[in-house]
Structures are given as C-alpha cells and as structure tokens.
Amino acid sequence: MSDTVRWGILSTAGIAASAFVPSVKQTTRGQLVGVASREASRAEAFAREHEIAQSFGSYEDMIASD
C-alpha cells in the first residue's frame, strides 16, 4: 500500500515539535501539510521551522480546508 497519509497538527505545543513532527518525517507514507494555532503568527513560525506548507490562525480554518 503506497497511499500518502496527510497530517495536520492542531497546536504548536512542545510535543508537536519534539515528538510528532520527527515521527511523521520518518515515515514513508506520512506528509505534514498544515499546522494550526490560536495565534496565526505562531502557526506561521512553526510551519516555516518545520517546512510545513500551510499554517492557519484557527483550528476551525484548518479543519475546513482541503
């Protein structure tokens, strides 16, 4: 099976950076496609640091996106 699993992160808390991002990047099927935070600037900074394509200033906006 070679389908890609697209992941979005709902939070920029420490565990996302220290555990979740590295784990997804080690997989052959996982792809980090978005990150959301209650503050758009935090989501943008996190996305830049971890090379994630999209950032969102609310959880609802990310959930509503493709």
PDB file of N, CA and C in Angstrom:
ATOM      1  N   MET A   1       0.840  -1.168   0.000  1.00  0.00           N
ATOM      2  CA  MET A   1       0.000   0.000   0.000  1.00  0.00           C
ATOM      3  C   MET A   1       0.889   1.236   0.000  1.00  0.00           C
ATOM      4  N   SER A   2       0.642   2.171  -0.906  1.00  0.00           N
ATOM      5  CA  SER A   2       1.512   3.335  -1.011  1.00  0.00           C
ATOM      6  C   SER A   2       0.770   4.658  -0.895  1.00  0.00           C
ATOM      7  N   ASP A   3      -0.441   4.644  -0.380  1.00  0.00           N
ATOM      8  CA  ASP A   3      -1.194   5.886  -0.226  1.00  0.00           C
ATOM      9  C   ASP A   3      -0.537   6.788   0.811  1.00  0.00           C
ATOM     10  N   THR A   4      -0.500   8.074   0.510  1.00  0.00           N
ATOM     11  CA  THR A   4       0.058   9.048   1.432  1.00  0.00           C
ATOM     12  C   THR A   4      -0.981   9.420   2.484  1.00  0.00           C
ATOM     13  N   VAL A   5      -0.536   9.513   3.722  1.00  0.00           N
ATOM     14  CA  VAL A   5      -1.389   9.957   4.822  1.00  0.00           C
ATOM     15  C   VAL A   5      -1.022  11.410   5.100  1.00  0.00           C
ATOM     16  N   ARG A   6      -1.965  12.308   4.884  1.00  0.00           N
ATOM     17  CA  ARG A   6      -1.735  13.739   5.081  1.00  0.00           C
ATOM     18  C   ARG A   6      -2.131  14.127   6.506  1.00  0.00           C
ATOM     19  N   TRP A   7      -1.195  14.758   7.212  1.00  0.00           N
ATOM     20  CA  TRP A   7      -1.408  15.119   8.608  1.00  0.00           C
ATOM     21  C   TRP A   7      -1.487  16.629   8.779  1.00  0.00           C
ATOM     22  N   GLY A   8      -2.374  17.051   9.656  1.00  0.00           N
ATOM     23  CA  GLY A   8      -2.434  18.427  10.114  1.00  0.00           C
ATOM     24  C   GLY A   8      -2.265  18.435  11.623  1.00  0.00           C
ATOM     25  N   ILE A   9      -1.555  19.414  12.125  1.00  0.00           N
ATOM     26  CA  ILE A   9      -1.273  19.496  13.554  1.00  0.00           C
ATOM     27  C   ILE A   9      -2.131  20.599  14.168  1.00  0.00           C
ATOM     28  N   LEU A  10      -2.900  20.246  15.179  1.00  0.00           N
ATOM     29  CA  LEU A  10      -3.744  21.214  15.887  1.00  0.00           C
ATOM     30  C   LEU A  10      -3.050  21.654  17.165  1.00  0.00           C
ATOM     31  N   SER A  11      -2.059  22.509  17.036  1.00  0.00           N
ATOM     32  CA  SER A  11      -1.339  23.072  18.172  1.00  0.00           C
ATOM     33  C   SER A  11       0.136  23.190  17.821  1.00  0.00           C
ATOM     34  N   THR A  12       0.775  24.165  18.401  1.00  0.00           N
ATOM     35  CA  THR A  12       2.217  24.321  18.219  1.00  0.00           C
ATOM     36  C   THR A  12       2.953  24.033  19.530  1.00  0.00           C
ATOM     37  N   ALA A  13       2.301  23.315  20.425  1.00  0.00           N
ATOM     38  CA  ALA A  13       2.892  22.981  21.725  1.00  0.00           C
ATOM     39  C   ALA A  13       4.147  22.122  21.544  1.00  0.00           C
ATOM     40  N   GLY A  14       4.933  22.049  22.579  1.00  0.00           N
ATOM     41  CA  GLY A  14       6.223  21.371  22.533  1.00  0.00           C
ATOM     42  C   GLY A  14       6.202  19.949  22.027  1.00  0.00           C
ATOM     43  N   ILE A  15       5.198  19.171  22.393  1.00  0.00           N
ATOM     44  CA  ILE A  15       5.169  17.772  21.966  1.00  0.00           C
ATOM     45  C   ILE A  15       5.032  17.643  20.450  1.00  0.00           C
ATOM     46  N   ALA A  16       4.391  18.616  19.821  1.00  0.00           N
ATOM     47  CA  ALA A  16       4.267  18.580  18.358  1.00  0.00           C
ATOM     48  C   ALA A  16       5.647  18.666  17.720  1.00  0.00           C
ATOM     49  N   ALA A  17       6.472  19.580  18.204  1.00  0.00           N
ATOM     50  CA  ALA A  17       7.808  19.769  17.640  1.00  0.00           C
ATOM     51  C   ALA A  17       8.781  18.670  18.047  1.00  0.00           C
ATOM     52  N   SER A  18       8.702  18.229  19.294  1.00  0.00           N
ATOM     53  CA  SER A  18       9.701  17.277  19.787  1.00  0.00           C
ATOM     54  C   SER A  18       9.394  15.825  19.453  1.00  0.00           C
ATOM     55  N   ALA A  19       8.132  15.485  19.268  1.00  0.00           N
ATOM     56  CA  ALA A  19       7.789  14.078  19.042  1.00  0.00           C
ATOM     57  C   ALA A  19       7.012  13.834  17.752  1.00  0.00           C
ATOM     58  N   PHE A  20       5.956  14.604  17.524  1.00  0.00           N
ATOM     59  CA  PHE A  20       5.084  14.299  16.389  1.00  0.00           C
ATOM     60  C   PHE A  20       5.740  14.601  15.046  1.00  0.00           C
ATOM     61  N   VAL A  21       6.296  15.797  14.875  1.00  0.00           N
ATOM     62  CA  VAL A  21       6.919  16.161  13.595  1.00  0.00           C
ATOM     63  C   VAL A  21       8.034  15.187  13.223  1.00  0.00           C
ATOM     64  N   PRO A  22       8.990  14.901  14.111  1.00  0.00           N
ATOM     65  CA  PRO A  22      10.045  13.955  13.739  1.00  0.00           C
ATOM     66  C   PRO A  22       9.506  12.563  13.392  1.00  0.00           C
ATOM     67  N   SER A  23       8.484  12.133  14.092  1.00  0.00           N
ATOM     68  CA  SER A  23       7.912  10.806  13.822  1.00  0.00           C
ATOM     69  C   SER A  23       7.280  10.739  12.441  1.00  0.00           C
ATOM     70  N   VAL A  24       6.510  11.755  12.080  1.00  0.00           N
ATOM     71  CA  VAL A  24       5.874  11.757  10.759  1.00  0.00           C
ATOM     72  C   VAL A  24       6.928  11.846   9.663  1.00  0.00           C
ATOM     73  N   LYS A  25       7.960  12.642   9.869  1.00  0.00           N
ATOM     74  CA  LYS A  25       9.007  12.795   8.848  1.00  0.00           C
ATOM     75  C   LYS A  25       9.795  11.506   8.634  1.00  0.00           C
ATOM     76  N   GLN A  26       9.788  10.609   9.602  1.00  0.00           N
ATOM     77  CA  GLN A  26      10.494   9.334   9.455  1.00  0.00           C
ATOM     78  C   GLN A  26       9.687   8.292   8.698  1.00  0.00           C
ATOM     79  N   THR A  27       8.413   8.534   8.505  1.00  0.00           N
ATOM     80  CA  THR A  27       7.581   7.552   7.821  1.00  0.00           C
ATOM     81  C   THR A  27       7.734   7.672   6.314  1.00  0.00           C
ATOM     82  N   THR A  28       7.385   6.624   5.609  1.00  0.00           N
ATOM     83  CA  THR A  28       7.426   6.671   4.148  1.00  0.00           C
ATOM     84  C   THR A  28       6.108   7.152   3.566  1.00  0.00           C
ATOM     85  N   ARG A  29       5.035   7.101   4.343  1.00  0.00           N
ATOM     86  CA  ARG A  29       3.712   7.474   3.841  1.00  0.00           C
ATOM     87  C   ARG A  29       3.170   8.767   4.423  1.00  0.00           C
ATOM     88  N   GLY A  30       3.756   9.274   5.484  1.00  0.00           N
ATOM     89  CA  GLY A  30       3.230  10.458   6.140  1.00  0.00           C
ATOM     90  C   GLY A  30       3.707  11.748   5.506  1.00  0.00           C
ATOM     91  N   GLN A  31       2.837  12.740   5.469  1.00  0.00           N
ATOM     92  CA  GLN A  31       3.169  14.056   4.938  1.00  0.00           C
ATOM     93  C   GLN A  31       2.520  15.111   5.828  1.00  0.00           C
ATOM     94  N   LEU A  32       3.320  16.026   6.351  1.00  0.00           N
ATOM     95  CA  LEU A  32       2.793  17.130   7.151  1.00  0.00           C
ATOM     96  C   LEU A  32       2.336  18.227   6.200  1.00  0.00           C
ATOM     97  N   VAL A  33       1.050  18.544   6.226  1.00  0.00           N
ATOM     98  CA  VAL A  33       0.511  19.501   5.258  1.00  0.00           C
ATOM     99  C   VAL A  33      -0.003  20.788   5.888  1.00  0.00           C
ATOM    100  N   GLY A  34      -0.219  20.806   7.187  1.00  0.00           N
ATOM    101  CA  GLY A  34      -0.732  22.014   7.811  1.00  0.00           C
ATOM    102  C   GLY A  34      -0.544  22.020   9.310  1.00  0.00           C
ATOM    103  N   VAL A  35      -0.533  23.237   9.852  1.00  0.00           N
ATOM    104  CA  VAL A  35      -0.461  23.408  11.302  1.00  0.00           C
ATOM    105  C   VAL A  35      -1.375  24.572  11.678  1.00  0.00           C
ATOM    106  N   ALA A  36      -2.072  24.422  12.788  1.00  0.00           N
ATOM    107  CA  ALA A  36      -2.979  25.464  13.262  1.00  0.00           C
ATOM    108  C   ALA A  36      -2.656  25.826  14.703  1.00  0.00           C
ATOM    109  N   SER A  37      -2.865  27.095  14.996  1.00  0.00           N
ATOM    110  CA  SER A  37      -2.694  27.607  16.349  1.00  0.00           C
ATOM    111  C   SER A  37      -3.763  28.667  16.576  1.00  0.00           C
ATOM    112  N   ARG A  38      -4.004  29.001  17.819  1.00  0.00           N
ATOM    113  CA  ARG A  38      -4.945  30.087  18.106  1.00  0.00           C
ATOM    114  C   ARG A  38      -4.359  31.433  17.712  1.00  0.00           C
ATOM    115  N   GLU A  39      -3.050  31.473  17.488  1.00  0.00           N
ATOM    116  CA  GLU A  39      -2.381  32.695  17.028  1.00  0.00           C
ATOM    117  C   GLU A  39      -1.727  32.410  15.682  1.00  0.00           C
ATOM    118  N   ALA A  40      -2.140  33.143  14.653  1.00  0.00           N
ATOM    119  CA  ALA A  40      -1.622  32.917  13.300  1.00  0.00           C
ATOM    120  C   ALA A  40      -0.102  33.030  13.246  1.00  0.00           C
ATOM    121  N   SER A  41       0.476  33.956  13.982  1.00  0.00           N
ATOM    122  CA  SER A  41       1.931  34.141  13.942  1.00  0.00           C
ATOM    123  C   SER A  41       2.671  32.911  14.466  1.00  0.00           C
ATOM    124  N   ARG A  42       2.126  32.252  15.456  1.00  0.00           N
ATOM    125  CA  ARG A  42       2.753  31.024  15.969  1.00  0.00           C
ATOM    126  C   ARG A  42       2.672  29.900  14.941  1.00  0.00           C
ATOM    127  N   ALA A  43       1.523  29.782  14.304  1.00  0.00           N
ATOM    128  CA  ALA A  43       1.363  28.752  13.277  1.00  0.00           C
ATOM    129  C   ALA A  43       2.317  29.004  12.115  1.00  0.00           C
ATOM    130  N   GLU A  44       2.445  30.260  11.697  1.00  0.00           N
ATOM    131  CA  GLU A  44       3.344  30.604  10.594  1.00  0.00           C
ATOM    132  C   GLU A  44       4.792  30.280  10.940  1.00  0.00           C
ATOM    133  N   ALA A  45       5.224  30.637  12.130  1.00  0.00           N
ATOM    134  CA  ALA A  45       6.602  30.367  12.554  1.00  0.00           C
ATOM    135  C   ALA A  45       6.866  28.869  12.636  1.00  0.00           C
ATOM    136  N   PHE A  46       5.930  28.125  13.185  1.00  0.00           N
ATOM    137  CA  PHE A  46       6.070  26.672  13.301  1.00  0.00           C
ATOM    138  C   PHE A  46       6.155  26.046  11.911  1.00  0.00           C
ATOM    139  N   ALA A  47       5.302  26.493  11.009  1.00  0.00           N
ATOM    140  CA  ALA A  47       5.299  25.959   9.641  1.00  0.00           C
ATOM    141  C   ALA A  47       6.629  26.232   8.947  1.00  0.00           C
ATOM    142  N   ARG A  48       7.157  27.434   9.094  1.00  0.00           N
ATOM    143  CA  ARG A  48       8.459  27.761   8.492  1.00  0.00           C
ATOM    144  C   ARG A  48       9.560  26.871   9.055  1.00  0.00           C
ATOM    145  N   GLU A  49       9.588  26.761  10.370  1.00  0.00           N
ATOM    146  CA  GLU A  49      10.648  25.991  11.040  1.00  0.00           C
ATOM    147  C   GLU A  49      10.630  24.519  10.644  1.00  0.00           C
ATOM    148  N   HIS A  50       9.450  23.971  10.419  1.00  0.00           N
ATOM    149  CA  HIS A  50       9.327  22.536  10.163  1.00  0.00           C
ATOM    150  C   HIS A  50       8.956  22.204   8.715  1.00  0.00           C
ATOM    151  N   GLU A  51       9.052  23.212   7.849  1.00  0.00           N
ATOM    152  CA  GLU A  51       8.801  23.029   6.413  1.00  0.00           C
ATOM    153  C   GLU A  51       7.424  22.421   6.142  1.00  0.00           C
ATOM    154  N   ILE A  52       6.410  23.030   6.736  1.00  0.00           N
ATOM    155  CA  ILE A  52       5.019  22.622   6.552  1.00  0.00           C
ATOM    156  C   ILE A  52       4.364  23.657   5.641  1.00  0.00           C
ATOM    157  N   ALA A  53       3.679  23.185   4.617  1.00  0.00           N
ATOM    158  CA  ALA A  53       3.183  24.056   3.551  1.00  0.00           C
ATOM    159  C   ALA A  53       2.165  25.099   4.002  1.00  0.00           C
ATOM    160  N   GLN A  54       1.260  24.744   4.888  1.00  0.00           N
ATOM    161  CA  GLN A  54       0.183  25.658   5.246  1.00  0.00           C
ATOM    162  C   GLN A  54       0.127  25.909   6.745  1.00  0.00           C
ATOM    163  N   SER A  55      -0.253  27.129   7.094  1.00  0.00           N
ATOM    164  CA  SER A  55      -0.483  27.457   8.502  1.00  0.00           C
ATOM    165  C   SER A  55      -1.831  28.152   8.615  1.00  0.00           C
ATOM    166  N   PHE A  56      -2.459  27.990   9.773  1.00  0.00           N
ATOM    167  CA  PHE A  56      -3.797  28.518   9.998  1.00  0.00           C
ATOM    168  C   PHE A  56      -3.861  29.196  11.358  1.00  0.00           C
ATOM    169  N   GLY A  57      -4.594  30.304  11.427  1.00  0.00           N
ATOM    170  CA  GLY A  57      -4.752  31.053  12.667  1.00  0.00           C
ATOM    171  C   GLY A  57      -5.898  30.574  13.531  1.00  0.00           C
ATOM    172  N   SER A  58      -6.554  29.492  13.111  1.00  0.00           N
ATOM    173  CA  SER A  58      -7.587  28.882  13.957  1.00  0.00           C
ATOM    174  C   SER A  58      -7.695  27.403  13.612  1.00  0.00           C
ATOM    175  N   TYR A  59      -8.116  26.637  14.576  1.00  0.00           N
ATOM    176  CA  TYR A  59      -8.289  25.205  14.355  1.00  0.00           C
ATOM    177  C   TYR A  59      -9.403  24.952  13.351  1.00  0.00           C
ATOM    178  N   GLU A  60     -10.451  25.745  13.440  1.00  0.00           N
ATOM    179  CA  GLU A  60     -11.602  25.577  12.541  1.00  0.00           C
ATOM    180  C   GLU A  60     -11.215  25.788  11.083  1.00  0.00           C
ATOM    181  N   ASP A  61     -10.349  26.778  10.823  1.00  0.00           N
ATOM    182  CA  ASP A  61      -9.922  27.032   9.443  1.00  0.00           C
ATOM    183  C   ASP A  61      -9.166  25.844   8.866  1.00  0.00           C
ATOM    184  N   MET A  62      -8.311  25.226   9.668  1.00  0.00           N
ATOM    185  CA  MET A  62      -7.575  24.074   9.157  1.00  0.00           C
ATOM    186  C   MET A  62      -8.514  22.896   8.916  1.00  0.00           C
ATOM    187  N   ILE A  63      -9.403  22.648   9.829  1.00  0.00           N
ATOM    188  CA  ILE A  63     -10.330  21.526   9.680  1.00  0.00           C
ATOM    189  C   ILE A  63     -11.201  21.709   8.440  1.00  0.00           C
ATOM    190  N   ALA A  64     -11.562  22.943   8.127  1.00  0.00           N
ATOM    191  CA  ALA A  64     -12.418  23.222   6.968  1.00  0.00           C
ATOM    192  C   ALA A  64     -11.657  23.188   5.642  1.00  0.00           C
ATOM    193  N   SER A  65     -10.327  23.178   5.694  1.00  0.00           N
ATOM    194  CA  SER A  65      -9.524  23.207   4.466  1.00  0.00           C
ATOM    195  C   SER A  65      -9.379  21.812   3.866  1.00  0.00           C
ATOM    196  N   ASP A  66      -8.870  21.795   2.648  1.00  0.00           N
ATOM    197  CA  ASP A  66      -8.579  20.514   1.998  1.00  0.00           C
ATOM    198  C   ASP A  66      -7.248  20.036   2.468  1.00  0.00           C
TER     199      ASP A  66
END
